[in-house]
């Protein structure tokens, strides 16, 4: 029948009993499948991660300035990676860095929730904050 209609016999579901086949134009089927895949890919959301860097002895004005940017990032729907970078001997101020990140988490609790608590990795103490879902 497929040869008479000058179309292709395409096996749709090979695992079914009996296997399901369809008479169609195979090139058109591939084209529509590719188009469907592209549409699904376009609908997926891409996770954007914004970074904010602090020092262990960051002043209050600098902290407020960076916190304002962090609020903007979270309201725009981006994840936030806040980290304290310890240079040289400033690694002795680990507690100050942790206090700074926890203070940031507390100030931003209306805009996002903490995904990962402050964790020291080498010379950086990192914390991730995810935006709250929009209602």
N, C-alpha and C. Protein backbone atom coordinates (compact mmCIF):
# COMPACT_ATOMS: atom_id res chain seq x y z
N UNK A 1 0.82 -1.19 0.00
CA UNK A 1 0.00 0.00 0.00
C UNK A 1 0.87 1.26 0.00
N UNK A 2 1.98 1.23 0.78
CA UNK A 2 2.86 2.39 0.87
C UNK A 2 3.52 2.67 -0.48
N UNK A 3 3.92 1.62 -1.20
CA UNK A 3 4.56 1.79 -2.51
C UNK A 3 3.56 2.37 -3.49
N UNK A 4 2.31 1.89 -3.46
CA UNK A 4 1.29 2.42 -4.35
C UNK A 4 1.04 3.90 -4.11
N UNK A 5 1.08 4.33 -2.85
CA UNK A 5 0.84 5.74 -2.51
C UNK A 5 2.10 6.58 -2.61
N UNK A 6 3.24 5.95 -2.93
CA UNK A 6 4.55 6.60 -3.02
C UNK A 6 4.94 7.28 -1.70
N UNK A 7 4.67 6.57 -0.59
CA UNK A 7 5.04 7.05 0.73
C UNK A 7 5.88 5.97 1.41
N UNK A 8 6.23 6.20 2.67
CA UNK A 8 7.08 5.28 3.42
C UNK A 8 6.25 4.56 4.49
N UNK A 9 6.63 3.32 4.80
CA UNK A 9 6.03 2.57 5.89
C UNK A 9 6.95 2.74 7.10
N UNK A 10 6.47 3.46 8.13
CA UNK A 10 7.29 3.81 9.29
C UNK A 10 6.80 3.03 10.51
N UNK A 11 7.75 2.36 11.19
CA UNK A 11 7.42 1.62 12.40
C UNK A 11 7.39 2.60 13.57
N UNK A 12 6.21 2.82 14.15
CA UNK A 12 6.03 3.80 15.22
C UNK A 12 6.37 3.20 16.58
N UNK A 13 5.80 2.04 16.89
CA UNK A 13 6.00 1.41 18.19
C UNK A 13 6.43 -0.05 18.00
N UNK A 14 7.74 -0.31 17.98
CA UNK A 14 8.21 -1.67 17.71
C UNK A 14 7.97 -2.66 18.85
N UNK A 15 7.79 -2.18 20.09
CA UNK A 15 7.64 -3.08 21.24
C UNK A 15 6.21 -3.56 21.44
N UNK A 16 5.24 -2.95 20.73
CA UNK A 16 3.84 -3.34 20.89
C UNK A 16 3.59 -4.69 20.22
N UNK A 17 2.55 -5.38 20.67
CA UNK A 17 2.17 -6.65 20.05
C UNK A 17 0.83 -6.46 19.37
N UNK A 18 0.66 -6.47 18.11
CA UNK A 18 1.66 -6.47 17.04
C UNK A 18 2.29 -5.07 16.89
N UNK A 19 3.49 -4.96 16.27
CA UNK A 19 4.16 -3.67 16.08
C UNK A 19 3.27 -2.70 15.29
N UNK A 20 3.29 -1.42 15.71
CA UNK A 20 2.45 -0.41 15.08
C UNK A 20 3.24 0.28 13.97
N UNK A 21 2.66 0.31 12.77
CA UNK A 21 3.29 0.96 11.63
C UNK A 21 2.33 1.99 11.05
N UNK A 22 2.89 2.97 10.35
CA UNK A 22 2.08 4.03 9.77
C UNK A 22 2.61 4.34 8.38
N UNK A 23 1.70 4.65 7.47
CA UNK A 23 2.10 5.05 6.12
C UNK A 23 2.17 6.57 6.11
N UNK A 24 3.37 7.10 5.87
CA UNK A 24 3.57 8.56 5.88
C UNK A 24 4.84 8.92 5.14
N UNK A 25 5.03 10.22 4.94
CA UNK A 25 6.25 10.73 4.35
C UNK A 25 7.29 10.83 5.47
N UNK A 26 8.33 10.00 5.42
CA UNK A 26 9.29 9.91 6.51
C UNK A 26 10.09 11.20 6.68
N UNK A 27 10.45 11.88 5.60
CA UNK A 27 11.21 13.14 5.69
C UNK A 27 10.38 14.20 6.41
N UNK A 28 9.08 14.25 6.10
CA UNK A 28 8.20 15.21 6.75
C UNK A 28 8.08 14.89 8.24
N UNK A 29 8.00 13.58 8.58
CA UNK A 29 7.93 13.14 9.96
C UNK A 29 9.17 13.59 10.74
N UNK A 30 10.36 13.41 10.15
CA UNK A 30 11.61 13.83 10.80
C UNK A 30 11.65 15.34 11.00
N UNK A 31 11.19 16.08 9.99
CA UNK A 31 11.18 17.54 10.06
C UNK A 31 10.28 18.01 11.20
N UNK A 32 9.07 17.46 11.29
CA UNK A 32 8.14 17.86 12.35
C UNK A 32 8.65 17.46 13.73
N UNK A 33 9.30 16.32 13.82
CA UNK A 33 9.87 15.87 15.08
C UNK A 33 10.98 16.83 15.54
N UNK A 34 11.83 17.24 14.61
CA UNK A 34 12.91 18.17 14.92
C UNK A 34 12.34 19.52 15.36
N UNK A 35 11.28 19.96 14.69
CA UNK A 35 10.63 21.23 15.02
C UNK A 35 10.03 21.17 16.43
N UNK A 36 9.42 20.05 16.77
CA UNK A 36 8.83 19.85 18.10
C UNK A 36 9.91 19.89 19.18
N UNK A 37 11.04 19.21 18.91
CA UNK A 37 12.16 19.21 19.87
C UNK A 37 12.69 20.63 20.10
N UNK A 38 12.80 21.40 19.03
CA UNK A 38 13.31 22.77 19.12
C UNK A 38 12.37 23.64 19.94
N UNK A 39 11.06 23.46 19.75
CA UNK A 39 10.08 24.23 20.50
C UNK A 39 10.15 23.89 22.00
N UNK A 40 10.32 22.62 22.32
CA UNK A 40 10.45 22.22 23.72
C UNK A 40 11.71 22.80 24.35
N UNK A 41 12.79 22.80 23.59
CA UNK A 41 14.06 23.33 24.08
C UNK A 41 13.96 24.83 24.34
N UNK A 42 13.21 25.55 23.49
CA UNK A 42 13.06 26.99 23.65
C UNK A 42 12.25 27.33 24.90
N UNK A 43 11.34 26.44 25.29
CA UNK A 43 10.49 26.71 26.46
C UNK A 43 11.21 26.48 27.78
N UNK A 44 12.29 25.70 27.79
CA UNK A 44 12.99 25.42 29.03
C UNK A 44 13.65 26.69 29.56
N UNK A 45 13.66 26.83 30.88
CA UNK A 45 14.27 28.01 31.48
C UNK A 45 15.74 27.74 31.76
N UNK A 46 16.55 28.73 31.51
CA UNK A 46 17.97 28.61 31.77
C UNK A 46 18.27 29.25 33.12
N UNK A 47 19.01 28.54 33.95
CA UNK A 47 19.34 29.03 35.28
C UNK A 47 20.54 29.97 35.17
N UNK A 48 20.33 31.19 35.61
CA UNK A 48 21.40 32.19 35.59
C UNK A 48 21.94 32.31 37.01
N UNK A 49 23.26 32.24 37.16
CA UNK A 49 23.89 32.38 38.47
C UNK A 49 24.70 33.67 38.48
N UNK A 50 24.32 34.58 39.37
CA UNK A 50 25.05 35.83 39.55
C UNK A 50 25.94 35.71 40.77
N UNK A 51 27.11 36.32 40.71
CA UNK A 51 28.05 36.23 41.82
C UNK A 51 28.24 37.58 42.49
N UNK A 52 28.38 37.55 43.81
CA UNK A 52 28.73 38.75 44.57
C UNK A 52 29.89 38.37 45.48
N UNK A 53 30.92 39.19 45.42
CA UNK A 53 32.15 38.89 46.16
C UNK A 53 32.33 39.88 47.32
N UNK A 54 32.62 39.33 48.47
CA UNK A 54 32.89 40.14 49.65
C UNK A 54 34.30 39.84 50.15
N UNK A 55 34.83 40.75 50.95
CA UNK A 55 36.06 40.50 51.69
C UNK A 55 35.65 40.22 53.13
N UNK A 56 36.53 39.65 53.94
CA UNK A 56 36.15 39.35 55.33
C UNK A 56 35.87 40.61 56.14
N UNK A 57 36.47 41.73 55.78
CA UNK A 57 36.28 42.97 56.52
C UNK A 57 35.51 44.00 55.69
N UNK A 58 34.47 43.57 54.98
CA UNK A 58 33.69 44.46 54.14
C UNK A 58 32.96 45.48 55.01
N UNK A 59 33.07 46.76 54.62
CA UNK A 59 32.46 47.85 55.36
C UNK A 59 30.94 47.84 55.18
N UNK A 60 30.21 48.52 56.06
CA UNK A 60 28.75 48.51 56.04
C UNK A 60 28.19 49.12 54.75
N UNK A 61 28.75 50.21 54.28
CA UNK A 61 28.25 50.84 53.05
C UNK A 61 28.43 49.92 51.85
N UNK A 62 29.59 49.29 51.75
CA UNK A 62 29.84 48.35 50.65
C UNK A 62 28.88 47.17 50.73
N UNK A 63 28.62 46.72 51.97
CA UNK A 63 27.70 45.60 52.17
C UNK A 63 26.30 45.98 51.68
N UNK A 64 25.84 47.18 52.06
CA UNK A 64 24.50 47.63 51.65
C UNK A 64 24.40 47.74 50.12
N UNK A 65 25.45 48.25 49.50
CA UNK A 65 25.49 48.42 48.04
C UNK A 65 25.38 47.06 47.34
N UNK A 66 26.15 46.09 47.83
CA UNK A 66 26.14 44.76 47.22
C UNK A 66 24.83 44.03 47.53
N UNK A 67 24.24 44.27 48.70
CA UNK A 67 22.98 43.64 49.04
C UNK A 67 21.87 44.16 48.14
N UNK A 68 21.93 45.45 47.78
CA UNK A 68 20.94 46.03 46.87
C UNK A 68 21.00 45.34 45.51
N UNK A 69 22.20 45.07 45.03
CA UNK A 69 22.36 44.35 43.77
C UNK A 69 21.85 42.91 43.90
N UNK A 70 22.13 42.28 45.03
CA UNK A 70 21.68 40.91 45.26
C UNK A 70 20.15 40.83 45.23
N UNK A 71 19.47 41.82 45.83
CA UNK A 71 18.00 41.87 45.79
C UNK A 71 17.51 41.94 44.35
N UNK A 72 18.17 42.78 43.55
CA UNK A 72 17.78 42.94 42.15
C UNK A 72 17.95 41.62 41.39
N UNK A 73 19.06 40.94 41.61
CA UNK A 73 19.31 39.66 40.94
C UNK A 73 18.23 38.64 41.31
N UNK A 74 17.89 38.56 42.60
CA UNK A 74 16.90 37.58 43.05
C UNK A 74 15.50 37.91 42.53
N UNK A 75 15.15 39.19 42.48
CA UNK A 75 13.82 39.56 41.96
C UNK A 75 13.74 39.32 40.46
N UNK A 76 14.88 39.37 39.77
CA UNK A 76 14.90 39.07 38.33
C UNK A 76 14.84 37.57 38.05
N UNK A 77 14.98 36.75 39.11
CA UNK A 77 14.86 35.30 38.96
C UNK A 77 16.17 34.56 38.82
N UNK A 78 17.30 35.23 39.08
CA UNK A 78 18.60 34.57 38.97
C UNK A 78 19.01 34.01 40.34
N UNK A 79 19.79 32.93 40.32
CA UNK A 79 20.36 32.40 41.56
C UNK A 79 21.52 33.31 41.96
N UNK A 80 21.83 33.32 43.23
CA UNK A 80 22.90 34.18 43.74
C UNK A 80 23.97 33.32 44.40
N UNK A 81 25.22 33.57 44.00
CA UNK A 81 26.36 32.91 44.63
C UNK A 81 27.13 34.01 45.34
N UNK A 82 27.02 34.03 46.65
CA UNK A 82 27.75 35.04 47.43
C UNK A 82 28.96 34.36 48.05
N UNK A 83 30.10 35.00 47.91
CA UNK A 83 31.29 34.40 48.52
C UNK A 83 32.20 35.44 49.13
N UNK A 84 32.90 35.00 50.16
CA UNK A 84 33.90 35.83 50.83
C UNK A 84 35.25 35.27 50.41
N UNK A 85 36.09 36.14 49.85
CA UNK A 85 37.40 35.72 49.39
C UNK A 85 38.45 36.14 50.41
N UNK A 86 39.21 35.17 50.88
CA UNK A 86 40.25 35.44 51.87
C UNK A 86 41.60 35.54 51.17
N UNK A 87 42.25 36.72 51.28
CA UNK A 87 43.58 36.91 50.68
C UNK A 87 44.64 36.76 51.76
N UNK A 88 45.69 36.07 51.43
CA UNK A 88 46.84 35.97 52.32
C UNK A 88 46.48 35.51 53.72
N UNK A 89 46.83 36.34 54.70
CA UNK A 89 46.61 35.96 56.10
C UNK A 89 45.20 36.26 56.58
N UNK A 90 44.36 36.83 55.74
CA UNK A 90 43.00 37.15 56.17
C UNK A 90 42.16 35.90 56.42
N UNK A 91 42.74 34.72 56.16
CA UNK A 91 42.03 33.46 56.40
C UNK A 91 41.74 33.29 57.89
N UNK A 92 42.44 34.04 58.75
CA UNK A 92 42.18 33.95 60.19
C UNK A 92 40.82 34.55 60.56
N UNK A 93 40.18 35.28 59.62
CA UNK A 93 38.88 35.90 59.89
C UNK A 93 37.74 35.05 59.35
N UNK A 94 37.86 33.72 59.43
CA UNK A 94 36.82 32.81 58.91
C UNK A 94 35.46 33.09 59.54
N UNK A 95 35.46 33.33 60.86
CA UNK A 95 34.19 33.57 61.55
C UNK A 95 33.52 34.83 61.04
N UNK A 96 34.32 35.89 60.77
CA UNK A 96 33.75 37.14 60.25
C UNK A 96 33.12 36.93 58.88
N UNK A 97 33.76 36.11 58.06
CA UNK A 97 33.21 35.80 56.74
C UNK A 97 31.89 35.05 56.85
N UNK A 98 31.83 34.10 57.78
CA UNK A 98 30.61 33.33 57.96
C UNK A 98 29.49 34.22 58.49
N UNK A 99 29.82 35.09 59.43
CA UNK A 99 28.83 36.02 59.99
C UNK A 99 28.29 36.93 58.89
N UNK A 100 29.18 37.39 58.02
CA UNK A 100 28.78 38.28 56.92
C UNK A 100 27.80 37.57 55.97
N UNK A 101 28.09 36.33 55.61
CA UNK A 101 27.21 35.59 54.70
C UNK A 101 25.87 35.26 55.37
N UNK A 102 25.89 34.91 56.64
CA UNK A 102 24.63 34.63 57.34
C UNK A 102 23.79 35.90 57.49
N UNK A 103 24.45 37.02 57.68
CA UNK A 103 23.73 38.30 57.74
C UNK A 103 23.08 38.61 56.39
N UNK A 104 23.80 38.32 55.31
CA UNK A 104 23.25 38.52 53.97
C UNK A 104 22.03 37.62 53.76
N UNK A 105 22.12 36.37 54.18
CA UNK A 105 21.00 35.43 54.04
C UNK A 105 19.79 35.93 54.83
N UNK A 106 20.04 36.46 56.01
CA UNK A 106 18.95 36.96 56.84
C UNK A 106 18.31 38.20 56.21
N UNK A 107 19.12 39.08 55.64
CA UNK A 107 18.59 40.29 55.01
C UNK A 107 17.82 39.99 53.72
N UNK A 108 18.16 38.89 53.05
CA UNK A 108 17.53 38.54 51.78
C UNK A 108 16.45 37.46 51.90
N UNK A 109 16.03 37.12 53.13
CA UNK A 109 15.07 36.03 53.27
C UNK A 109 13.71 36.33 52.65
N UNK A 110 13.38 37.61 52.44
CA UNK A 110 12.12 37.97 51.76
C UNK A 110 12.21 37.77 50.26
N UNK A 111 13.41 37.70 49.72
CA UNK A 111 13.62 37.61 48.26
C UNK A 111 14.07 36.22 47.80
N UNK A 112 14.71 35.46 48.69
CA UNK A 112 15.20 34.14 48.30
C UNK A 112 15.46 33.27 49.50
N UNK A 113 15.65 31.98 49.23
CA UNK A 113 15.95 31.05 50.33
C UNK A 113 17.34 30.47 50.14
N UNK A 114 17.99 30.18 51.24
CA UNK A 114 19.35 29.66 51.20
C UNK A 114 19.33 28.23 50.67
N UNK A 115 20.10 28.01 49.60
CA UNK A 115 20.19 26.69 49.00
C UNK A 115 21.33 25.90 49.62
N UNK A 116 22.42 26.61 49.92
CA UNK A 116 23.58 25.97 50.55
C UNK A 116 24.14 26.93 51.58
N UNK A 117 24.29 26.46 52.79
CA UNK A 117 24.84 27.29 53.87
C UNK A 117 26.32 27.59 53.58
N UNK A 118 26.87 28.63 54.24
CA UNK A 118 28.28 28.97 53.98
C UNK A 118 29.21 27.79 54.19
N UNK A 119 30.07 27.56 53.18
CA UNK A 119 30.99 26.43 53.22
C UNK A 119 32.36 26.91 52.74
N UNK A 120 33.40 26.58 53.48
CA UNK A 120 34.75 27.01 53.13
C UNK A 120 35.36 26.04 52.13
N UNK A 121 35.77 26.56 50.99
CA UNK A 121 36.44 25.76 49.95
C UNK A 121 37.72 26.47 49.58
N UNK A 122 38.82 26.02 50.12
CA UNK A 122 40.10 26.67 49.85
C UNK A 122 40.14 28.05 50.48
N UNK A 123 40.30 29.10 49.64
CA UNK A 123 40.35 30.46 50.16
C UNK A 123 39.02 31.19 50.03
N UNK A 124 37.95 30.47 49.68
CA UNK A 124 36.63 31.08 49.53
C UNK A 124 35.62 30.42 50.44
N UNK A 125 34.74 31.24 50.99
CA UNK A 125 33.59 30.72 51.72
C UNK A 125 32.37 31.06 50.86
N UNK A 126 31.66 30.03 50.41
CA UNK A 126 30.60 30.20 49.43
C UNK A 126 29.23 29.87 50.01
N UNK A 127 28.22 30.62 49.53
CA UNK A 127 26.84 30.37 49.91
C UNK A 127 25.95 30.62 48.69
N UNK A 128 24.96 29.74 48.46
CA UNK A 128 24.04 29.89 47.34
C UNK A 128 22.66 30.27 47.85
N UNK A 129 22.01 31.22 47.15
CA UNK A 129 20.65 31.64 47.49
C UNK A 129 19.81 31.53 46.22
N UNK A 130 18.67 30.83 46.31
CA UNK A 130 17.77 30.66 45.18
C UNK A 130 16.60 31.63 45.33
N UNK A 131 16.10 32.19 44.23
CA UNK A 131 14.98 33.12 44.32
C UNK A 131 13.70 32.42 44.76
N UNK A 132 12.82 33.16 45.42
CA UNK A 132 11.52 32.60 45.81
C UNK A 132 10.64 32.53 44.58
N UNK A 133 9.72 31.57 44.56
CA UNK A 133 8.81 31.42 43.43
C UNK A 133 7.82 32.58 43.42
N UNK A 134 7.52 33.07 42.23
CA UNK A 134 6.55 34.16 42.10
C UNK A 134 5.14 33.62 42.24
N UNK A 135 4.29 34.36 42.96
CA UNK A 135 2.92 33.90 43.19
C UNK A 135 1.98 34.47 42.16
